Amino acid sequence: MSTRHLAALLGFAFVATWIALNFGYALLCMLGAGAFYAIASVLEGDIDLGELQARVTQRPAGGDRTTATSGARRPRVQ
Protein backbone atom coordinates (compact mmCIF):
# COMPACT_ATOMS: atom_id res chain seq x y z
CA MET A 1 0.00 0.00 0.00
CA SER A 2 1.44 3.35 -1.00
CA THR A 3 1.45 6.50 1.11
CA ARG A 4 -1.28 8.02 -1.05
CA HIS A 5 -3.52 5.00 -0.57
CA LEU A 6 -3.01 5.12 3.19
CA ALA A 7 -3.76 8.85 3.27
CA ALA A 8 -6.94 8.29 1.27
CA LEU A 9 -8.01 5.50 3.62
CA LEU A 10 -7.37 7.68 6.69
CA GLY A 11 -9.27 10.56 5.10
CA PHE A 12 -12.21 8.29 4.35
CA ALA A 13 -12.21 6.94 7.92
CA PHE A 14 -12.12 10.49 9.32
CA VAL A 15 -15.06 11.64 7.20
CA ALA A 16 -17.02 8.46 7.96
CA THR A 17 -16.50 9.03 11.69
CA TRP A 18 -17.49 12.67 11.27
CA ILE A 19 -20.73 11.73 9.48
CA ALA A 20 -21.62 8.84 11.80
CA LEU A 21 -20.88 10.54 15.12
CA ASN A 22 -19.94 14.21 14.95
CA PHE A 23 -16.94 16.44 14.32
CA GLY A 24 -15.76 16.41 17.96
CA TYR A 25 -15.57 12.63 18.10
CA ALA A 26 -13.78 12.53 14.76
CA LEU A 27 -11.16 14.98 16.09
CA LEU A 28 -10.72 12.89 19.25
CA CYS A 29 -10.11 9.84 17.07
CA MET A 30 -7.45 11.75 15.11
CA LEU A 31 -5.76 13.00 18.31
CA GLY A 32 -5.75 9.49 19.75
CA ALA A 33 -4.25 8.06 16.57
CA GLY A 34 -1.56 10.76 16.58
CA ALA A 35 -0.71 10.10 20.23
CA PHE A 36 -0.34 6.36 19.68
CA TYR A 37 1.72 6.99 16.52
CA ALA A 38 4.07 9.22 18.52
CA ILE A 39 4.37 6.65 21.33
CA ALA A 40 5.15 3.88 18.83
CA SER A 41 7.77 6.11 17.17
CA VAL A 42 9.47 6.74 20.52
CA LEU A 43 9.46 3.03 21.38
CA GLU A 44 10.93 2.11 17.99
CA GLY A 45 13.64 4.76 18.35
CA ASP A 46 12.51 6.95 15.45
CA ILE A 47 12.06 9.94 17.78
CA ASP A 48 14.87 10.85 20.18
CA LEU A 49 13.33 12.58 23.19
CA GLY A 50 16.68 14.05 24.30
CA GLU A 51 17.22 15.69 20.92
CA LEU A 52 13.63 16.90 20.87
CA GLN A 53 14.02 18.48 24.32
CA ALA A 54 17.28 20.15 23.24
CA ARG A 55 15.53 21.66 20.21
CA VAL A 56 12.63 22.95 22.29
CA THR A 57 14.82 24.44 25.04
CA GLN A 58 17.47 25.73 22.56
CA ARG A 59 20.27 23.90 24.39
CA PRO A 60 22.84 21.62 22.78
CA ALA A 61 22.08 17.94 23.41
CA GLY A 62 24.38 16.41 26.03
CA GLY A 63 26.22 19.68 26.67
CA ASP A 64 27.26 21.22 29.97
CA ARG A 65 24.37 23.29 31.29
CA THR A 66 26.56 25.95 32.88
CA THR A 67 28.39 26.75 29.66
CA ALA A 68 25.26 26.50 27.53
CA THR A 69 23.29 28.95 29.65
CA SER A 70 25.94 31.43 30.76
CA GLY A 71 28.21 31.38 27.73
CA ALA A 72 31.33 31.54 29.96
CA ARG A 73 33.76 28.72 30.59
CA ARG A 74 34.82 27.60 34.04
CA PRO A 75 38.36 28.50 35.09
CA ARG A 76 40.83 25.69 34.72
CA VAL A 77 42.08 24.27 38.03
CA GLN A 78 45.78 23.31 38.14
PDB file of N, CA and C in Angstrom:
ATOM      1  N   MET A   1       0.850  -1.173   0.000  1.00  0.00           N
ATOM      2  CA  MET A   1       0.000   0.000   0.000  1.00  0.00           C
ATOM      3  C   MET A   1       0.895   1.236   0.000  1.00  0.00           C
ATOM      4  N   SER A   2       0.621   2.144  -0.900  1.00  0.00           N
ATOM      5  CA  SER A   2       1.436   3.349  -0.996  1.00  0.00           C
ATOM      6  C   SER A   2       0.981   4.390   0.033  1.00  0.00           C
ATOM      7  N   THR A   3       1.769   5.429   0.173  1.00  0.00           N
ATOM      8  CA  THR A   3       1.446   6.499   1.114  1.00  0.00           C
ATOM      9  C   THR A   3       0.159   7.207   0.714  1.00  0.00           C
ATOM     10  N   ARG A   4      -0.043   7.369  -0.577  1.00  0.00           N
ATOM     11  CA  ARG A   4      -1.275   8.021  -1.048  1.00  0.00           C
ATOM     12  C   ARG A   4      -2.514   7.188  -0.734  1.00  0.00           C
ATOM     13  N   HIS A   5      -2.393   5.868  -0.895  1.00  0.00           N
ATOM     14  CA  HIS A   5      -3.522   4.996  -0.566  1.00  0.00           C
ATOM     15  C   HIS A   5      -3.837   5.056   0.925  1.00  0.00           C
ATOM     16  N   LEU A   6      -2.812   5.041   1.748  1.00  0.00           N
ATOM     17  CA  LEU A   6      -3.005   5.120   3.194  1.00  0.00           C
ATOM     18  C   LEU A   6      -3.640   6.451   3.587  1.00  0.00           C
ATOM     19  N   ALA A   7      -3.183   7.537   2.980  1.00  0.00           N
ATOM     20  CA  ALA A   7      -3.761   8.853   3.274  1.00  0.00           C
ATOM     21  C   ALA A   7      -5.229   8.910   2.857  1.00  0.00           C
ATOM     22  N   ALA A   8      -5.545   8.320   1.715  1.00  0.00           N
ATOM     23  CA  ALA A   8      -6.937   8.292   1.270  1.00  0.00           C
ATOM     24  C   ALA A   8      -7.798   7.462   2.217  1.00  0.00           C
ATOM     25  N   LEU A   9      -7.279   6.344   2.678  1.00  0.00           N
ATOM     26  CA  LEU A   9      -8.009   5.503   3.617  1.00  0.00           C
ATOM     27  C   LEU A   9      -8.249   6.231   4.939  1.00  0.00           C
ATOM     28  N   LEU A  10      -7.220   6.914   5.444  1.00  0.00           N
ATOM     29  CA  LEU A  10      -7.371   7.681   6.692  1.00  0.00           C
ATOM     30  C   LEU A  10      -8.357   8.831   6.515  1.00  0.00           C
ATOM     31  N   GLY A  11      -8.321   9.494   5.380  1.00  0.00           N
ATOM     32  CA  GLY A  11      -9.271  10.560   5.103  1.00  0.00           C
ATOM     33  C   GLY A  11     -10.693  10.049   5.049  1.00  0.00           C
ATOM     34  N   PHE A  12     -10.885   8.892   4.410  1.00  0.00           N
ATOM     35  CA  PHE A  12     -12.212   8.289   4.353  1.00  0.00           C
ATOM     36  C   PHE A  12     -12.699   7.924   5.751  1.00  0.00           C
ATOM     37  N   ALA A  13     -11.826   7.321   6.558  1.00  0.00           N
ATOM     38  CA  ALA A  13     -12.214   6.938   7.922  1.00  0.00           C
ATOM     39  C   ALA A  13     -12.568   8.169   8.750  1.00  0.00           C
ATOM     40  N   PHE A  14     -11.825   9.263   8.578  1.00  0.00           N
ATOM     41  CA  PHE A  14     -12.117  10.488   9.319  1.00  0.00           C
ATOM     42  C   PHE A  14     -13.490  11.035   8.942  1.00  0.00           C
ATOM     43  N   VAL A  15     -13.774  11.110   7.645  1.00  0.00           N
ATOM     44  CA  VAL A  15     -15.063  11.645   7.199  1.00  0.00           C
ATOM     45  C   VAL A  15     -16.201  10.713   7.601  1.00  0.00           C
ATOM     46  N   ALA A  16     -15.986   9.409   7.547  1.00  0.00           N
ATOM     47  CA  ALA A  16     -17.023   8.464   7.958  1.00  0.00           C
ATOM     48  C   ALA A  16     -17.331   8.616   9.448  1.00  0.00           C
ATOM     49  N   THR A  17     -16.293   8.803  10.263  1.00  0.00           N
ATOM     50  CA  THR A  17     -16.502   9.034  11.693  1.00  0.00           C
ATOM     51  C   THR A  17     -17.229  10.345  11.916  1.00  0.00           C
ATOM     52  N   TRP A  18     -16.859  11.356  11.165  1.00  0.00           N
ATOM     53  CA  TRP A  18     -17.490  12.673  11.268  1.00  0.00           C
ATOM     54  C   TRP A  18     -18.981  12.584  10.951  1.00  0.00           C
ATOM     55  N   ILE A  19     -19.331  11.863   9.880  1.00  0.00           N
ATOM     56  CA  ILE A  19     -20.731  11.728   9.483  1.00  0.00           C
ATOM     57  C   ILE A  19     -21.504  10.871  10.486  1.00  0.00           C
ATOM     58  N   ALA A  20     -20.917   9.775  10.917  1.00  0.00           N
ATOM     59  CA  ALA A  20     -21.617   8.839  11.796  1.00  0.00           C
ATOM     60  C   ALA A  20     -21.800   9.401  13.206  1.00  0.00           C
ATOM     61  N   LEU A  21     -20.814  10.064  13.731  1.00  0.00           N
ATOM     62  CA  LEU A  21     -20.881  10.539  15.119  1.00  0.00           C
ATOM     63  C   LEU A  21     -21.044  12.053  15.132  1.00  0.00           C
ATOM     64  N   ASN A  22     -19.961  12.759  15.122  1.00  0.00           N
ATOM     65  CA  ASN A  22     -19.943  14.214  14.947  1.00  0.00           C
ATOM     66  C   ASN A  22     -18.495  14.661  14.828  1.00  0.00           C
ATOM     67  N   PHE A  23     -18.289  15.928  14.581  1.00  0.00           N
ATOM     68  CA  PHE A  23     -16.943  16.438  14.322  1.00  0.00           C
ATOM     69  C   PHE A  23     -16.031  16.298  15.538  1.00  0.00           C
ATOM     70  N   GLY A  24     -16.567  16.516  16.733  1.00  0.00           N
ATOM     71  CA  GLY A  24     -15.757  16.412  17.957  1.00  0.00           C
ATOM     72  C   GLY A  24     -15.203  15.013  18.159  1.00  0.00           C
ATOM     73  N   TYR A  25     -16.042  13.998  17.949  1.00  0.00           N
ATOM     74  CA  TYR A  25     -15.574  12.626  18.098  1.00  0.00           C
ATOM     75  C   TYR A  25     -14.545  12.276  17.026  1.00  0.00           C
ATOM     76  N   ALA A  26     -14.743  12.782  15.826  1.00  0.00           N
ATOM     77  CA  ALA A  26     -13.777  12.532  14.756  1.00  0.00           C
ATOM     78  C   ALA A  26     -12.417  13.144  15.105  1.00  0.00           C
ATOM     79  N   LEU A  27     -12.427  14.354  15.672  1.00  0.00           N
ATOM     80  CA  LEU A  27     -11.161  14.980  16.088  1.00  0.00           C
ATOM     81  C   LEU A  27     -10.501  14.203  17.222  1.00  0.00           C
ATOM     82  N   LEU A  28     -11.294  13.701  18.171  1.00  0.00           N
ATOM     83  CA  LEU A  28     -10.724  12.888  19.248  1.00  0.00           C
ATOM     84  C   LEU A  28     -10.083  11.616  18.699  1.00  0.00           C
ATOM     85  N   CYS A  29     -10.707  11.020  17.696  1.00  0.00           N
ATOM     86  CA  CYS A  29     -10.110   9.836  17.067  1.00  0.00           C
ATOM     87  C   CYS A  29      -8.770  10.184  16.424  1.00  0.00           C
ATOM     88  N   MET A  30      -8.703  11.329  15.747  1.00  0.00           N
ATOM     89  CA  MET A  30      -7.452  11.755  15.109  1.00  0.00           C
ATOM     90  C   MET A  30      -6.372  12.046  16.147  1.00  0.00           C
ATOM     91  N   LEU A  31      -6.736  12.708  17.249  1.00  0.00           N
ATOM     92  CA  LEU A  31      -5.763  12.999  18.308  1.00  0.00           C
ATOM     93  C   LEU A  31      -5.257  11.710  18.954  1.00  0.00           C
ATOM     94  N   GLY A  32      -6.155  10.770  19.184  1.00  0.00           N
ATOM     95  CA  GLY A  32      -5.747   9.487  19.750  1.00  0.00           C
ATOM     96  C   GLY A  32      -4.810   8.732  18.828  1.00  0.00           C
ATOM     97  N   ALA A  33      -5.120   8.732  17.538  1.00  0.00           N
ATOM     98  CA  ALA A  33      -4.250   8.056  16.574  1.00  0.00           C
ATOM     99  C   ALA A  33      -2.876   8.715  16.535  1.00  0.00           C
ATOM    100  N   GLY A  34      -2.847  10.050  16.578  1.00  0.00           N
ATOM    101  CA  GLY A  34      -1.565  10.760  16.580  1.00  0.00           C
ATOM    102  C   GLY A  34      -0.748  10.473  17.826  1.00  0.00           C
ATOM    103  N   ALA A  35      -1.406  10.398  18.974  1.00  0.00           N
ATOM    104  CA  ALA A  35      -0.705  10.102  20.228  1.00  0.00           C
ATOM    105  C   ALA A  35      -0.105   8.694  20.196  1.00  0.00           C
ATOM    106  N   PHE A  36      -0.867   7.724  19.743  1.00  0.00           N
ATOM    107  CA  PHE A  36      -0.344   6.362  19.680  1.00  0.00           C
ATOM    108  C   PHE A  36       0.748   6.228  18.621  1.00  0.00           C
ATOM    109  N   TYR A  37       0.657   6.978  17.530  1.00  0.00           N
ATOM    110  CA  TYR A  37       1.717   6.987  16.519  1.00  0.00           C
ATOM    111  C   TYR A  37       3.012   7.540  17.120  1.00  0.00           C
ATOM    112  N   ALA A  38       2.891   8.619  17.898  1.00  0.00           N
ATOM    113  CA  ALA A  38       4.074   9.216  18.525  1.00  0.00           C
ATOM    114  C   ALA A  38       4.688   8.263  19.551  1.00  0.00           C
ATOM    115  N   ILE A  39       3.864   7.606  20.345  1.00  0.00           N
ATOM    116  CA  ILE A  39       4.370   6.646  21.329  1.00  0.00           C
ATOM    117  C   ILE A  39       5.090   5.495  20.641  1.00  0.00           C
ATOM    118  N   ALA A  40       4.510   4.975  19.570  1.00  0.00           N
ATOM    119  CA  ALA A  40       5.145   3.881  18.830  1.00  0.00           C
ATOM    120  C   ALA A  40       6.466   4.339  18.217  1.00  0.00           C
ATOM    121  N   SER A  41       6.534   5.582  17.741  1.00  0.00           N
ATOM    122  CA  SER A  41       7.775   6.109  17.168  1.00  0.00           C
ATOM    123  C   SER A  41       8.860   6.226  18.220  1.00  0.00           C
ATOM    124  N   VAL A  42       8.497   6.636  19.427  1.00  0.00           N
ATOM    125  CA  VAL A  42       9.474   6.735  20.521  1.00  0.00           C
ATOM    126  C   VAL A  42       9.971   5.343  20.888  1.00  0.00           C
ATOM    127  N   LEU A  43       9.061   4.385  21.004  1.00  0.00           N
ATOM    128  CA  LEU A  43       9.456   3.028  21.380  1.00  0.00           C
ATOM    129  C   LEU A  43      10.328   2.362  20.329  1.00  0.00           C
ATOM    130  N   GLU A  44      10.113   2.677  19.059  1.00  0.00           N
ATOM    131  CA  GLU A  44      10.930   2.106  17.990  1.00  0.00           C
ATOM    132  C   GLU A  44      12.248   2.848  17.807  1.00  0.00           C
ATOM    133  N   GLY A  45      12.399   4.003  18.449  1.00  0.00           N
ATOM    134  CA  GLY A  45      13.636   4.763  18.353  1.00  0.00           C
ATOM    135  C   GLY A  45      13.668   5.764  17.217  1.00  0.00           C
ATOM    136  N   ASP A  46      12.546   5.980  16.547  1.00  0.00           N
ATOM    137  CA  ASP A  46      12.506   6.950  15.454  1.00  0.00           C
ATOM    138  C   ASP A  46      12.543   8.385  15.967  1.00  0.00           C
ATOM    139  N   ILE A  47      12.050   8.610  17.172  1.00  0.00           N
ATOM    140  CA  ILE A  47      12.059   9.935  17.781  1.00  0.00           C
ATOM    141  C   ILE A  47      12.959   9.885  19.005  1.00  0.00           C
ATOM    142  N   ASP A  48      13.954  10.754  19.058  1.00  0.00           N
ATOM    143  CA  ASP A  48      14.867  10.847  20.184  1.00  0.00           C
ATOM    144  C   ASP A  48      14.377  11.959  21.104  1.00  0.00           C
ATOM    145  N   LEU A  49      13.900  11.591  22.293  1.00  0.00           N
ATOM    146  CA  LEU A  49      13.332  12.584  23.195  1.00  0.00           C
ATOM    147  C   LEU A  49      14.374  13.582  23.701  1.00  0.00           C
ATOM    148  N   GLY A  50      15.619  13.145  23.868  1.00  0.00           N
ATOM    149  CA  GLY A  50      16.684  14.051  24.301  1.00  0.00           C
ATOM    150  C   GLY A  50      16.957  15.127  23.262  1.00  0.00           C
ATOM    151  N   GLU A  51      17.010  14.720  22.001  1.00  0.00           N
ATOM    152  CA  GLU A  51      17.223  15.690  20.923  1.00  0.00           C
ATOM    153  C   GLU A  51      16.031  16.631  20.789  1.00  0.00           C
ATOM    154  N   LEU A  52      14.835  16.084  20.947  1.00  0.00           N
ATOM    155  CA  LEU A  52      13.629  16.902  20.871  1.00  0.00           C
ATOM    156  C   LEU A  52      13.603  17.940  21.990  1.00  0.00           C
ATOM    157  N   GLN A  53      13.974  17.543  23.199  1.00  0.00           N
ATOM    158  CA  GLN A  53      14.023  18.485  24.317  1.00  0.00           C
ATOM    159  C   GLN A  53      15.091  19.553  24.081  1.00  0.00           C
ATOM    160  N   ALA A  54      16.227  19.172  23.524  1.00  0.00           N
ATOM    161  CA  ALA A  54      17.276  20.149  23.236  1.00  0.00           C
ATOM    162  C   ALA A  54      16.809  21.167  22.201  1.00  0.00           C
ATOM    163  N   ARG A  55      16.048  20.722  21.215  1.00  0.00           N
ATOM    164  CA  ARG A  55      15.534  21.660  20.208  1.00  0.00           C
ATOM    165  C   ARG A  55      14.519  22.622  20.807  1.00  0.00           C
ATOM    166  N   VAL A  56      13.666  22.113  21.692  1.00  0.00           N
ATOM    167  CA  VAL A  56      12.625  22.949  22.290  1.00  0.00           C
ATOM    168  C   VAL A  56      13.231  23.966  23.253  1.00  0.00           C
ATOM    169  N   THR A  57      14.215  23.551  24.042  1.00  0.00           N
ATOM    170  CA  THR A  57      14.816  24.445  25.038  1.00  0.00           C
ATOM    171  C   THR A  57      15.993  25.237  24.485  1.00  0.00           C
ATOM    172  N   GLN A  58      16.361  25.026  23.225  1.00  0.00           N
ATOM    173  CA  GLN A  58      17.469  25.733  22.559  1.00  0.00           C
ATOM    174  C   GLN A  58      18.807  25.475  23.240  1.00  0.00           C
ATOM    175  N   ARG A  59      18.991  24.278  23.794  1.00  0.00           N
ATOM    176  CA  ARG A  59      20.268  23.896  24.389  1.00  0.00           C
ATOM    177  C   ARG A  59      20.894  22.780  23.575  1.00  0.00           C
ATOM    178  N   PRO A  60      22.206  22.723  23.487  1.00  0.00           N
ATOM    179  CA  PRO A  60      22.838  21.617  22.777  1.00  0.00           C
ATOM    180  C   PRO A  60      22.594  20.299  23.518  1.00  0.00           C
ATOM    181  N   ALA A  61      22.337  19.243  22.799  1.00  0.00           N
ATOM    182  CA  ALA A  61      22.082  17.939  23.413  1.00  0.00           C
ATOM    183  C   ALA A  61      23.349  17.418  24.057  1.00  0.00           C
ATOM    184  N   GLY A  62      23.259  16.998  25.322  1.00  0.00           N
ATOM    185  CA  GLY A  62      24.382  16.412  26.033  1.00  0.00           C
ATOM    186  C   GLY A  62      25.447  17.395  26.449  1.00  0.00           C
ATOM    187  N   GLY A  63      25.219  18.682  26.306  1.00  0.00           N
ATOM    188  CA  GLY A  63      26.219  19.681  26.668  1.00  0.00           C
ATOM    189  C   GLY A  63      26.170  20.031  28.143  1.00  0.00           C
ATOM    190  N   ASP A  64      27.194  20.759  28.589  1.00  0.00           N
ATOM    191  CA  ASP A  64      27.260  21.220  29.968  1.00  0.00           C
ATOM    192  C   ASP A  64      26.277  22.369  30.141  1.00  0.00           C
ATOM    193  N   ARG A  65      25.411  22.278  31.129  1.00  0.00           N
ATOM    194  CA  ARG A  65      24.369  23.289  31.294  1.00  0.00           C
ATOM    195  C   ARG A  65      24.926  24.644  31.703  1.00  0.00           C
ATOM    196  N   THR A  66      26.019  24.660  32.445  1.00  0.00           N
ATOM    197  CA  THR A  66      26.559  25.953  32.879  1.00  0.00           C
ATOM    198  C   THR A  66      27.145  26.725  31.709  1.00  0.00           C
ATOM    199  N   THR A  67      27.817  26.036  30.798  1.00  0.00           N
ATOM    200  CA  THR A  67      28.389  26.749  29.661  1.00  0.00           C
ATOM    201  C   THR A  67      27.329  27.082  28.624  1.00  0.00           C
ATOM    202  N   ALA A  68      26.299  26.242  28.530  1.00  0.00           N
ATOM    203  CA  ALA A  68      25.260  26.496  27.534  1.00  0.00           C
ATOM    204  C   ALA A  68      24.382  27.676  27.924  1.00  0.00           C
ATOM    205  N   THR A  69      24.182  27.878  29.228  1.00  0.00           N
ATOM    206  CA  THR A  69      23.288  28.953  29.649  1.00  0.00           C
ATOM    207  C   THR A  69      24.029  30.258  29.891  1.00  0.00           C
ATOM    208  N   SER A  70      25.246  30.191  30.440  1.00  0.00           N
ATOM    209  CA  SER A  70      25.943  31.434  30.761  1.00  0.00           C
ATOM    210  C   SER A  70      26.846  31.914  29.633  1.00  0.00           C
ATOM    211  N   GLY A  71      27.332  30.997  28.809  1.00  0.00           N
ATOM    212  CA  GLY A  71      28.213  31.383  27.729  1.00  0.00           C
ATOM    213  C   GLY A  71      29.673  31.526  28.165  1.00  0.00           C
ATOM    214  N   ALA A  72      29.957  31.397  29.451  1.00  0.00           N
ATOM    215  CA  ALA A  72      31.327  31.537  29.958  1.00  0.00           C
ATOM    216  C   ALA A  72      31.853  30.164  30.360  1.00  0.00           C
ATOM    217  N   ARG A  73      33.148  29.992  30.193  1.00  0.00           N
ATOM    218  CA  ARG A  73      33.763  28.725  30.592  1.00  0.00           C
ATOM    219  C   ARG A  73      34.231  28.812  32.033  1.00  0.00           C
ATOM    220  N   ARG A  74      34.300  27.657  32.665  1.00  0.00           N
ATOM    221  CA  ARG A  74      34.819  27.601  34.043  1.00  0.00           C
ATOM    222  C   ARG A  74      36.331  27.772  34.007  1.00  0.00           C
ATOM    223  N   PRO A  75      36.885  28.393  35.044  1.00  0.00           N
ATOM    224  CA  PRO A  75      38.358  28.501  35.089  1.00  0.00           C
ATOM    225  C   PRO A  75      38.984  27.130  35.281  1.00  0.00           C
ATOM    226  N   ARG A  76      40.128  26.954  34.661  1.00  0.00           N
ATOM    227  CA  ARG A  76      40.826  25.692  34.718  1.00  0.00           C
ATOM    228  C   ARG A  76      41.605  25.581  36.037  1.00  0.00           C
ATOM    229  N   VAL A  77      41.394  24.481  36.750  1.00  0.00           N
ATOM    230  CA  VAL A  77      42.082  24.267  38.033  1.00  0.00           C
ATOM    231  C   VAL A  77      43.364  23.495  37.773  1.00  0.00           C
ATOM    232  N   GLN A  78      44.490  23.990  38.348  1.00  0.00           N
ATOM    233  CA  GLN A  78      45.776  23.312  38.142  1.00  0.00           C
ATOM    234  C   GLN A  78      46.246  22.627  39.373  1.00  0.00           C
TER     235      GLN A  78
END
